[in-house]
Structure formats: structure tokens, C-alpha cells
């Protein structure tokens, strides 16, 4: 059975091969592994993994109208204004 290695075009740090495929370096956070180029929300913060580096930000929530139809991120909840 042939292993599907997946795309490597945007991989900044390539880890040694495990089996047939090399892989992009991911991140470990609170005991959980996250793939490179992924983001997730936790306690009102936005976390992003890029080549083994985690960045943490606190997004600002803006409500330009009473019933906004578009939200840029879905990883956190903005309070209703």
C-alpha cells in the first residue's frame, strides 16, 4: 500500500522522514500536536502554528452595524453589541 504524503509547497521546516514521507514541522501546545498552517481558538485568544512557532493574539471584535452578516474568524465569540 502506497502512503499519501500530501503537499509540501508551503513547508518552511521539513522534519526527518517517518516511513516513506517527510512532514512539515508542527507545534505542541498543552499536550496537543497542531499541524503547521493551522489556527485554533482558546479562552478568547487566537493561536496559530507556523513551522513549529506558535503565535497568540487577542482579536478585537467590531460591530459596524446592528446585524453583521460576515465574521472573519469563527474560532472565538465576539460579544453582541
Protein backbone atom coordinates (compact mmCIF):
# COMPACT_ATOMS: atom_id res chain seq x y z
CA UNK A 1 0.00 0.00 0.00
CA UNK A 2 1.43 3.39 -1.02
CA UNK A 3 1.47 6.18 1.56
CA UNK A 4 -0.13 9.54 0.60
CA UNK A 5 2.45 12.17 1.60
CA UNK A 6 0.38 15.30 0.99
CA UNK A 7 1.55 18.70 -0.31
CA UNK A 8 4.85 20.22 0.88
CA UNK A 9 4.92 23.50 -1.14
CA UNK A 10 4.41 25.85 1.84
CA UNK A 11 6.52 23.85 4.28
CA UNK A 12 9.19 26.09 5.86
CA UNK A 13 10.74 23.39 8.09
CA UNK A 14 10.83 19.78 6.89
CA UNK A 15 11.15 17.11 9.58
CA UNK A 16 13.06 13.85 9.04
CA UNK A 17 11.16 11.08 7.35
CA UNK A 18 8.99 8.74 9.38
CA UNK A 19 8.18 5.95 6.99
CA UNK A 20 8.12 6.98 3.33
CA UNK A 21 7.17 10.66 3.74
CA UNK A 22 8.83 13.75 5.14
CA UNK A 23 6.50 16.11 7.01
CA UNK A 24 6.23 19.77 7.96
CA UNK A 25 7.23 20.71 11.50
CA UNK A 26 4.12 21.28 13.60
CA UNK A 27 3.60 22.66 17.12
CA UNK A 28 2.86 21.19 20.54
CA UNK A 29 0.57 23.21 22.81
CA UNK A 30 -0.87 21.98 26.12
CA UNK A 31 -0.12 18.37 25.18
CA UNK A 32 -1.78 18.57 21.75
CA UNK A 33 0.03 18.50 18.41
CA UNK A 34 -1.09 21.04 15.80
CA UNK A 35 -0.13 20.93 12.13
CA UNK A 36 1.74 23.84 10.57
CA UNK A 37 -0.54 26.46 8.93
CA UNK A 38 -3.40 25.78 11.37
CA UNK A 39 -5.15 28.06 13.84
CA UNK A 40 -7.47 27.46 16.75
CA UNK A 41 -9.18 29.42 19.49
CA UNK A 42 -8.83 29.10 23.24
CA UNK A 43 -10.14 31.34 26.05
CA UNK A 44 -10.79 34.30 23.73
CA UNK A 45 -7.37 34.05 22.07
CA UNK A 46 -6.43 33.08 18.53
CA UNK A 47 -3.46 30.71 18.27
CA UNK A 48 -1.62 29.88 15.04
CA UNK A 49 1.08 27.29 14.30
CA UNK A 50 3.70 28.06 11.64
CA UNK A 51 6.73 25.75 11.28
CA UNK A 52 6.99 24.97 14.99
CA UNK A 53 6.27 28.52 16.19
CA UNK A 54 3.01 29.40 17.95
CA UNK A 55 1.71 32.96 17.82
CA UNK A 56 -1.03 34.08 20.20
CA UNK A 57 -3.25 37.10 19.63
CA UNK A 58 -6.37 38.59 21.17
CA UNK A 59 -8.65 39.57 18.30
CA UNK A 60 -10.61 42.79 18.58
CA UNK A 61 -14.32 42.48 17.91
CA UNK A 62 -16.02 45.23 15.93
CA UNK A 63 -19.69 45.53 15.14
CA UNK A 64 -20.08 48.10 12.33
CA UNK A 65 -23.84 47.52 12.13
CA UNK A 66 -26.63 46.02 14.22
CA UNK A 67 -26.70 42.68 12.37
CA UNK A 68 -23.32 41.97 10.75
CA UNK A 69 -23.53 39.21 8.14
CA UNK A 70 -19.82 38.34 7.93
CA UNK A 71 -17.41 37.26 10.65
CA UNK A 72 -13.77 36.94 9.72
CA UNK A 73 -12.84 34.32 12.34
CA UNK A 74 -15.01 31.60 13.80
CA UNK A 75 -12.55 30.46 16.49
CA UNK A 76 -13.79 32.86 19.15
CA UNK A 77 -17.05 34.51 20.09
CA UNK A 78 -17.48 38.27 19.95
CA UNK A 79 -19.96 39.69 22.43
CA UNK A 80 -23.16 41.10 20.99
CA UNK A 81 -23.01 44.88 20.90
